[in-house]
Structures are given as C-alpha cells and as structure tokens.
Amino acid sequence: MHPVTCCTCGNRVLAEKYSPVHTSIQWLTDAARSCARFRADAEHGRAALHTCADLRETVDELADRGELSITARSCPTPGRLD
C-alpha cells in the first residue's frame, strides 16, 4: 500500500489499486474524525458513507498520472489449489 494525501482535505491514508475500478483504502486515523466529508455527514445525522468521493478522485488521478500503479495481485482461491 502507498501513502496518499487527499487533495481536498489533506487526510493521509494508504491506498492500493488492483484495477481501474478496484481500490483498497486503509485509514490511518478514524475516518469519521479525519475526513471532512465523513465528519460533515456525521454532524448532520446522515448515514455513514462507505467511501469519500474526494479521496477516490485523488487516488484515481494519481493512478491516471502513473504515480500510483495498478498492482497485479492474485490470491489463491479455496478449492482451486489443485
């Protein structure tokens, strides 16, 4: 995973791209407190988000510029190790 800083709020996370549409994010702090979008939704009583559009845009832009490469990751599938 690679360190990424959100272009909107400056929050730092670890991110990995496995395909153009599959992104994995590891939050380094409590997302509800450190992410401006998550915090605003919590303060207004809205349901918790599963992702932050600003952070996703940041990660996608890094990938588009080649600064965050798509990782070819394969994991064994149970029952398919023969």
PDB file of N, CA and C in Angstrom:
ATOM      1  N   MET A   1       0.856  -1.175   0.000  1.00  0.00           N
ATOM      2  CA  MET A   1       0.000   0.000   0.000  1.00  0.00           C
ATOM      3  C   MET A   1       0.903   1.239   0.000  1.00  0.00           C
ATOM      4  N   HIS A   2       0.361   2.297  -0.594  1.00  0.00           N
ATOM      5  CA  HIS A   2       1.150   3.508  -0.772  1.00  0.00           C
ATOM      6  C   HIS A   2       0.480   4.687  -0.065  1.00  0.00           C
ATOM      7  N   PRO A   3       1.284   5.559   0.555  1.00  0.00           N
ATOM      8  CA  PRO A   3       0.701   6.728   1.209  1.00  0.00           C
ATOM      9  C   PRO A   3       0.075   7.669   0.180  1.00  0.00           C
ATOM     10  N   VAL A   4      -1.111   8.158   0.498  1.00  0.00           N
ATOM     11  CA  VAL A   4      -1.831   9.092  -0.366  1.00  0.00           C
ATOM     12  C   VAL A   4      -2.388  10.194   0.521  1.00  0.00           C
ATOM     13  N   THR A   5      -2.286  11.428   0.046  1.00  0.00           N
ATOM     14  CA  THR A   5      -2.851  12.566   0.751  1.00  0.00           C
ATOM     15  C   THR A   5      -3.996  13.127  -0.073  1.00  0.00           C
ATOM     16  N   CYS A   6      -5.172  13.214   0.523  1.00  0.00           N
ATOM     17  CA  CYS A   6      -6.353  13.722  -0.171  1.00  0.00           C
ATOM     18  C   CYS A   6      -6.109  15.166  -0.612  1.00  0.00           C
ATOM     19  N   CYS A   7      -6.378  15.440  -1.875  1.00  0.00           N
ATOM     20  CA  CYS A   7      -6.178  16.793  -2.416  1.00  0.00           C
ATOM     21  C   CYS A   7      -7.167  17.805  -1.855  1.00  0.00           C
ATOM     22  N   THR A   8      -8.266  17.331  -1.292  1.00  0.00           N
ATOM     23  CA  THR A   8      -9.280  18.240  -0.769  1.00  0.00           C
ATOM     24  C   THR A   8      -9.021  18.614   0.685  1.00  0.00           C
ATOM     25  N   CYS A   9      -8.820  17.605   1.550  1.00  0.00           N
ATOM     26  CA  CYS A   9      -8.721  17.906   2.981  1.00  0.00           C
ATOM     27  C   CYS A   9      -7.341  17.632   3.580  1.00  0.00           C
ATOM     28  N   GLY A  10      -6.459  16.966   2.831  1.00  0.00           N
ATOM     29  CA  GLY A  10      -5.122  16.693   3.345  1.00  0.00           C
ATOM     30  C   GLY A  10      -5.020  15.452   4.208  1.00  0.00           C
ATOM     31  N   ASN A  11      -6.119  14.719   4.375  1.00  0.00           N
ATOM     32  CA  ASN A  11      -6.083  13.488   5.154  1.00  0.00           C
ATOM     33  C   ASN A  11      -5.161  12.482   4.481  1.00  0.00           C
ATOM     34  N   ARG A  12      -4.383  11.750   5.290  1.00  0.00           N
ATOM     35  CA  ARG A  12      -3.466  10.743   4.745  1.00  0.00           C
ATOM     36  C   ARG A  12      -4.002   9.349   4.997  1.00  0.00           C
ATOM     37  N   VAL A  13      -3.929   8.516   3.954  1.00  0.00           N
ATOM     38  CA  VAL A  13      -4.353   7.124   4.016  1.00  0.00           C
ATOM     39  C   VAL A  13      -3.312   6.288   3.285  1.00  0.00           C
ATOM     40  N   LEU A  14      -3.499   4.988   3.325  1.00  0.00           N
ATOM     41  CA  LEU A  14      -2.731   4.090   2.475  1.00  0.00           C
ATOM     42  C   LEU A  14      -3.697   3.577   1.412  1.00  0.00           C
ATOM     43  N   ALA A  15      -3.231   3.523   0.156  1.00  0.00           N
ATOM     44  CA  ALA A  15      -4.108   3.107  -0.940  1.00  0.00           C
ATOM     45  C   ALA A  15      -3.393   2.134  -1.861  1.00  0.00           C
ATOM     46  N   GLU A  16      -4.199   1.297  -2.482  1.00  0.00           N
ATOM     47  CA  GLU A  16      -3.701   0.333  -3.468  1.00  0.00           C
ATOM     48  C   GLU A  16      -4.762   0.213  -4.558  1.00  0.00           C
ATOM     49  N   LYS A  17      -4.320   0.196  -5.814  1.00  0.00           N
ATOM     50  CA  LYS A  17      -5.224  -0.007  -6.947  1.00  0.00           C
ATOM     51  C   LYS A  17      -4.977  -1.402  -7.486  1.00  0.00           C
ATOM     52  N   TYR A  18      -6.061  -2.181  -7.632  1.00  0.00           N
ATOM     53  CA  TYR A  18      -5.962  -3.530  -8.181  1.00  0.00           C
ATOM     54  C   TYR A  18      -6.527  -3.607  -9.597  1.00  0.00           C
ATOM     55  N   SER A  19      -7.299  -2.615  -9.979  1.00  0.00           N
ATOM     56  CA  SER A  19      -7.827  -2.476 -11.330  1.00  0.00           C
ATOM     57  C   SER A  19      -8.324  -1.035 -11.424  1.00  0.00           C
ATOM     58  N   PRO A  20      -8.732  -0.593 -12.600  1.00  0.00           N
ATOM     59  CA  PRO A  20      -9.249   0.781 -12.689  1.00  0.00           C
ATOM     60  C   PRO A  20     -10.437   1.056 -11.764  1.00  0.00           C
ATOM     61  N   VAL A  21     -11.199   0.015 -11.407  1.00  0.00           N
ATOM     62  CA  VAL A  21     -12.372   0.229 -10.552  1.00  0.00           C
ATOM     63  C   VAL A  21     -12.214  -0.327  -9.141  1.00  0.00           C
ATOM     64  N   HIS A  22     -11.171  -1.108  -8.872  1.00  0.00           N
ATOM     65  CA  HIS A  22     -10.985  -1.715  -7.550  1.00  0.00           C
ATOM     66  C   HIS A  22      -9.867  -0.984  -6.811  1.00  0.00           C
ATOM     67  N   THR A  23     -10.247  -0.301  -5.750  1.00  0.00           N
ATOM     68  CA  THR A  23      -9.310   0.453  -4.927  1.00  0.00           C
ATOM     69  C   THR A  23      -9.457   0.002  -3.485  1.00  0.00           C
ATOM     70  N   SER A  24      -8.337  -0.180  -2.814  1.00  0.00           N
ATOM     71  CA  SER A  24      -8.350  -0.524  -1.398  1.00  0.00           C
ATOM     72  C   SER A  24      -7.764   0.651  -0.618  1.00  0.00           C
ATOM     73  N   ILE A  25      -8.477   1.073   0.421  1.00  0.00           N
ATOM     74  CA  ILE A  25      -8.039   2.193   1.264  1.00  0.00           C
ATOM     75  C   ILE A  25      -7.878   1.695   2.691  1.00  0.00           C
ATOM     76  N   GLN A  26      -6.772   2.041   3.303  1.00  0.00           N
ATOM     77  CA  GLN A  26      -6.566   1.772   4.722  1.00  0.00           C
ATOM     78  C   GLN A  26      -6.452   3.112   5.421  1.00  0.00           C
ATOM     79  N   TRP A  27      -7.427   3.391   6.265  1.00  0.00           N
ATOM     80  CA  TRP A  27      -7.422   4.646   7.009  1.00  0.00           C
ATOM     81  C   TRP A  27      -6.392   4.549   8.120  1.00  0.00           C
ATOM     82  N   LEU A  28      -5.639   5.616   8.321  1.00  0.00           N
ATOM     83  CA  LEU A  28      -4.619   5.659   9.370  1.00  0.00           C
ATOM     84  C   LEU A  28      -5.159   6.279  10.652  1.00  0.00           C
ATOM     85  N   THR A  29      -6.303   6.919  10.540  1.00  0.00           N
ATOM     86  CA  THR A  29      -6.978   7.540  11.680  1.00  0.00           C
ATOM     87  C   THR A  29      -8.462   7.221  11.562  1.00  0.00           C
ATOM     88  N   ASP A  30      -9.242   7.625  12.534  1.00  0.00           N
ATOM     89  CA  ASP A  30     -10.685   7.418  12.493  1.00  0.00           C
ATOM     90  C   ASP A  30     -11.277   8.256  11.360  1.00  0.00           C
ATOM     91  N   ALA A  31     -11.839   7.609  10.352  1.00  0.00           N
ATOM     92  CA  ALA A  31     -12.358   8.299   9.173  1.00  0.00           C
ATOM     93  C   ALA A  31     -13.421   9.335   9.533  1.00  0.00           C
ATOM     94  N   ALA A  32     -14.257   9.029  10.506  1.00  0.00           N
ATOM     95  CA  ALA A  32     -15.333   9.951  10.882  1.00  0.00           C
ATOM     96  C   ALA A  32     -14.798  11.260  11.458  1.00  0.00           C
ATOM     97  N   ARG A  33     -13.586  11.234  11.953  1.00  0.00           N
ATOM     98  CA  ARG A  33     -12.993  12.455  12.513  1.00  0.00           C
ATOM     99  C   ARG A  33     -12.025  13.126  11.550  1.00  0.00           C
ATOM    100  N   SER A  34     -11.294  12.344  10.763  1.00  0.00           N
ATOM    101  CA  SER A  34     -10.225  12.919   9.933  1.00  0.00           C
ATOM    102  C   SER A  34     -10.656  13.275   8.523  1.00  0.00           C
ATOM    103  N   CYS A  35     -11.770  12.724   8.048  1.00  0.00           N
ATOM    104  CA  CYS A  35     -12.251  13.016   6.698  1.00  0.00           C
ATOM    105  C   CYS A  35     -13.347  14.075   6.782  1.00  0.00           C
ATOM    106  N   ALA A  36     -13.160  15.173   6.087  1.00  0.00           N
ATOM    107  CA  ALA A  36     -14.123  16.278   6.145  1.00  0.00           C
ATOM    108  C   ALA A  36     -15.518  15.850   5.693  1.00  0.00           C
ATOM    109  N   ARG A  37     -15.595  15.028   4.646  1.00  0.00           N
ATOM    110  CA  ARG A  37     -16.908  14.565   4.166  1.00  0.00           C
ATOM    111  C   ARG A  37     -17.583  13.656   5.187  1.00  0.00           C
ATOM    112  N   PHE A  38     -16.834  12.698   5.726  1.00  0.00           N
ATOM    113  CA  PHE A  38     -17.401  11.787   6.724  1.00  0.00           C
ATOM    114  C   PHE A  38     -17.861  12.576   7.946  1.00  0.00           C
ATOM    115  N   ARG A  39     -17.035  13.521   8.387  1.00  0.00           N
ATOM    116  CA  ARG A  39     -17.347  14.317   9.571  1.00  0.00           C
ATOM    117  C   ARG A  39     -18.605  15.156   9.340  1.00  0.00           C
ATOM    118  N   ALA A  40     -18.721  15.794   8.171  1.00  0.00           N
ATOM    119  CA  ALA A  40     -19.894  16.624   7.868  1.00  0.00           C
ATOM    120  C   ALA A  40     -21.158  15.782   7.858  1.00  0.00           C
ATOM    121  N   ASP A  41     -21.084  14.591   7.280  1.00  0.00           N
ATOM    122  CA  ASP A  41     -22.260  13.725   7.259  1.00  0.00           C
ATOM    123  C   ASP A  41     -22.655  13.312   8.675  1.00  0.00           C
ATOM    124  N   ALA A  42     -21.668  12.987   9.507  1.00  0.00           N
ATOM    125  CA  ALA A  42     -21.950  12.588  10.884  1.00  0.00           C
ATOM    126  C   ALA A  42     -22.580  13.745  11.659  1.00  0.00           C
ATOM    127  N   GLU A  43     -22.067  14.963  11.453  1.00  0.00           N
ATOM    128  CA  GLU A  43     -22.591  16.129  12.160  1.00  0.00           C
ATOM    129  C   GLU A  43     -24.030  16.450  11.746  1.00  0.00           C
ATOM    130  N   HIS A  44     -24.392  16.109  10.504  1.00  0.00           N
ATOM    131  CA  HIS A  44     -25.738  16.383  10.007  1.00  0.00           C
ATOM    132  C   HIS A  44     -26.664  15.175  10.122  1.00  0.00           C
ATOM    133  N   GLY A  45     -26.195  14.134  10.825  1.00  0.00           N
ATOM    134  CA  GLY A  45     -27.029  12.964  11.071  1.00  0.00           C
ATOM    135  C   GLY A  45     -27.276  12.098   9.854  1.00  0.00           C
ATOM    136  N   ARG A  46     -26.467  12.260   8.809  1.00  0.00           N
ATOM    137  CA  ARG A  46     -26.639  11.421   7.619  1.00  0.00           C
ATOM    138  C   ARG A  46     -25.940  10.088   7.832  1.00  0.00           C
ATOM    139  N   ALA A  47     -26.411   9.095   7.139  1.00  0.00           N
ATOM    140  CA  ALA A  47     -25.829   7.753   7.238  1.00  0.00           C
ATOM    141  C   ALA A  47     -24.357   7.794   6.843  1.00  0.00           C
ATOM    142  N   ALA A  48     -23.584   6.933   7.457  1.00  0.00           N
ATOM    143  CA  ALA A  48     -22.149   6.866   7.182  1.00  0.00           C
ATOM    144  C   ALA A  48     -21.900   6.456   5.736  1.00  0.00           C
ATOM    145  N   LEU A  49     -20.934   7.100   5.137  1.00  0.00           N
ATOM    146  CA  LEU A  49     -20.516   6.761   3.782  1.00  0.00           C
ATOM    147  C   LEU A  49     -19.581   5.567   3.818  1.00  0.00           C
ATOM    148  N   HIS A  50     -19.499   4.856   2.725  1.00  0.00           N
ATOM    149  CA  HIS A  50     -18.540   3.769   2.618  1.00  0.00           C
ATOM    150  C   HIS A  50     -17.289   4.229   1.900  1.00  0.00           C
ATOM    151  N   THR A  51     -17.346   5.403   1.299  1.00  0.00           N
ATOM    152  CA  THR A  51     -16.203   5.944   0.590  1.00  0.00           C
ATOM    153  C   THR A  51     -16.312   7.461   0.561  1.00  0.00           C
ATOM    154  N   CYS A  52     -15.211   8.100   0.293  1.00  0.00           N
ATOM    155  CA  CYS A  52     -15.178   9.552   0.152  1.00  0.00           C
ATOM    156  C   CYS A  52     -14.888   9.855  -1.315  1.00  0.00           C
ATOM    157  N   ALA A  53     -15.796  10.558  -1.973  1.00  0.00           N
ATOM    158  CA  ALA A  53     -15.632  10.868  -3.395  1.00  0.00           C
ATOM    159  C   ALA A  53     -14.366  11.682  -3.646  1.00  0.00           C
ATOM    160  N   ASP A  54     -14.016  12.585  -2.732  1.00  0.00           N
ATOM    161  CA  ASP A  54     -12.806  13.396  -2.903  1.00  0.00           C
ATOM    162  C   ASP A  54     -11.557  12.530  -2.838  1.00  0.00           C
ATOM    163  N   LEU A  55     -11.522  11.605  -1.889  1.00  0.00           N
ATOM    164  CA  LEU A  55     -10.366  10.716  -1.760  1.00  0.00           C
ATOM    165  C   LEU A  55     -10.280   9.790  -2.963  1.00  0.00           C
ATOM    166  N   ARG A  56     -11.424   9.258  -3.400  1.00  0.00           N
ATOM    167  CA  ARG A  56     -11.432   8.381  -4.576  1.00  0.00           C
ATOM    168  C   ARG A  56     -10.912   9.141  -5.803  1.00  0.00           C
ATOM    169  N   GLU A  57     -11.325  10.385  -5.958  1.00  0.00           N
ATOM    170  CA  GLU A  57     -10.857  11.201  -7.083  1.00  0.00           C
ATOM    171  C   GLU A  57      -9.343  11.407  -6.999  1.00  0.00           C
ATOM    172  N   THR A  58      -8.837  11.650  -5.804  1.00  0.00           N
ATOM    173  CA  THR A  58      -7.396  11.818  -5.618  1.00  0.00           C
ATOM    174  C   THR A  58      -6.652  10.555  -6.039  1.00  0.00           C
ATOM    175  N   VAL A  59      -7.115   9.401  -5.562  1.00  0.00           N
ATOM    176  CA  VAL A  59      -6.458   8.129  -5.889  1.00  0.00           C
ATOM    177  C   VAL A  59      -6.532   7.865  -7.390  1.00  0.00           C
ATOM    178  N   ASP A  60      -7.698   8.094  -7.996  1.00  0.00           N
ATOM    179  CA  ASP A  60      -7.846   7.864  -9.428  1.00  0.00           C
ATOM    180  C   ASP A  60      -6.948   8.787 -10.247  1.00  0.00           C
ATOM    181  N   GLU A  61      -6.819  10.036  -9.820  1.00  0.00           N
ATOM    182  CA  GLU A  61      -5.935  10.971 -10.525  1.00  0.00           C
ATOM    183  C   GLU A  61      -4.476  10.521 -10.422  1.00  0.00           C
ATOM    184  N   LEU A  62      -4.067  10.074  -9.239  1.00  0.00           N
ATOM    185  CA  LEU A  62      -2.704   9.558  -9.088  1.00  0.00           C
ATOM    186  C   LEU A  62      -2.463   8.362 -10.004  1.00  0.00           C
ATOM    187  N   ALA A  63      -3.447   7.472 -10.093  1.00  0.00           N
ATOM    188  CA  ALA A  63      -3.330   6.301 -10.967  1.00  0.00           C
ATOM    189  C   ALA A  63      -3.278   6.727 -12.430  1.00  0.00           C
ATOM    190  N   ASP A  64      -4.114   7.676 -12.821  1.00  0.00           N
ATOM    191  CA  ASP A  64      -4.123   8.160 -14.207  1.00  0.00           C
ATOM    192  C   ASP A  64      -2.793   8.785 -14.602  1.00  0.00           C
ATOM    193  N   ARG A  65      -2.137   9.450 -13.646  1.00  0.00           N
ATOM    194  CA  ARG A  65      -0.831  10.078 -13.917  1.00  0.00           C
ATOM    195  C   ARG A  65       0.327   9.095 -13.789  1.00  0.00           C
ATOM    196  N   GLY A  66       0.033   7.862 -13.380  1.00  0.00           N
ATOM    197  CA  GLY A  66       1.081   6.857 -13.219  1.00  0.00           C
ATOM    198  C   GLY A  66       1.846   6.963 -11.915  1.00  0.00           C
ATOM    199  N   GLU A  67       1.352   7.781 -10.987  1.00  0.00           N
ATOM    200  CA  GLU A  67       2.010   7.945  -9.696  1.00  0.00           C
ATOM    201  C   GLU A  67       1.581   6.882  -8.687  1.00  0.00           C
ATOM    202  N   LEU A  68       0.511   6.168  -9.004  1.00  0.00           N
ATOM    203  CA  LEU A  68       0.027   5.051  -8.201  1.00  0.00           C
ATOM    204  C   LEU A  68      -0.290   3.940  -9.193  1.00  0.00           C
ATOM    205  N   SER A  69       0.563   2.938  -9.225  1.00  0.00           N
ATOM    206  CA  SER A  69       0.395   1.892 -10.238  1.00  0.00           C
ATOM    207  C   SER A  69      -0.662   0.882  -9.821  1.00  0.00           C
ATOM    208  N   ILE A  70      -1.229   0.242 -10.824  1.00  0.00           N
ATOM    209  CA  ILE A  70      -2.180  -0.832 -10.579  1.00  0.00           C
ATOM    210  C   ILE A  70      -1.379  -2.084 -10.254  1.00  0.00           C
ATOM    211  N   THR A  71      -1.677  -2.677  -9.118  1.00  0.00           N
ATOM    212  CA  THR A  71      -0.962  -3.841  -8.625  1.00  0.00           C
ATOM    213  C   THR A  71      -1.625  -5.111  -9.137  1.00  0.00           C
ATOM    214  N   ALA A  72      -0.837  -5.965  -9.738  1.00  0.00           N
ATOM    215  CA  ALA A  72      -1.346  -7.275 -10.169  1.00  0.00           C
ATOM    216  C   ALA A  72      -1.238  -8.200  -8.973  1.00  0.00           C
ATOM    217  N   ARG A  73      -2.337  -8.387  -8.283  1.00  0.00           N
ATOM    218  CA  ARG A  73      -2.351  -9.197  -7.068  1.00  0.00           C
ATOM    219  C   ARG A  73      -3.222 -10.413  -7.311  1.00  0.00           C
ATOM    220  N   SER A  74      -2.704 -11.540  -6.952  1.00  0.00           N
ATOM    221  CA  SER A  74      -3.530 -12.734  -7.049  1.00  0.00           C
ATOM    222  C   SER A  74      -3.456 -13.472  -5.721  1.00  0.00           C
ATOM    223  N   CYS A  75      -4.598 -13.931  -5.299  1.00  0.00           N
ATOM    224  CA  CYS A  75      -4.696 -14.688  -4.058  1.00  0.00           C
ATOM    225  C   CYS A  75      -5.251 -16.059  -4.397  1.00  0.00           C
ATOM    226  N   PRO A  76      -4.771 -17.089  -3.738  1.00  0.00           N
ATOM    227  CA  PRO A  76      -5.329 -18.410  -4.010  1.00  0.00           C
ATOM    228  C   PRO A  76      -6.809 -18.474  -3.633  1.00  0.00           C
ATOM    229  N   THR A  77      -7.557 -19.141  -4.456  1.00  0.00           N
ATOM    230  CA  THR A  77      -8.982 -19.345  -4.202  1.00  0.00           C
ATOM    231  C   THR A  77      -9.167 -20.699  -3.562  1.00  0.00           C
ATOM    232  N   PRO A  78      -9.821 -20.773  -2.408  1.00  0.00           N
ATOM    233  CA  PRO A  78     -10.019 -22.069  -1.757  1.00  0.00           C
ATOM    234  C   PRO A  78     -10.635 -23.082  -2.725  1.00  0.00           C
ATOM    235  N   GLY A  79     -10.087 -24.285  -2.722  1.00  0.00           N
ATOM    236  CA  GLY A  79     -10.602 -25.335  -3.592  1.00  0.00           C
ATOM    237  C   GLY A  79     -10.021 -25.303  -4.989  1.00  0.00           C
ATOM    238  N   ARG A  80      -9.187 -24.305  -5.284  1.00  0.00           N
ATOM    239  CA  ARG A  80      -8.617 -24.194  -6.623  1.00  0.00           C
ATOM    240  C   ARG A  80      -7.103 -24.287  -6.588  1.00  0.00           C
ATOM    241  N   LEU A  81      -6.587 -24.987  -5.621  1.00  0.00           N
ATOM    242  CA  LEU A  81      -5.137 -25.102  -5.479  1.00  0.00           C
ATOM    243  C   LEU A  81      -4.594 -26.389  -6.077  1.00  0.00           C
ATOM    244  N   ASP A  82      -5.437 -27.148  -6.757  1.00  0.00           N
ATOM    245  CA  ASP A  82      -5.026 -28.424  -7.329  1.00  0.00           C
ATOM    246  C   ASP A  82      -4.056 -28.232  -8.470  1.00  0.00           C
TER     247      ASP A  82
END
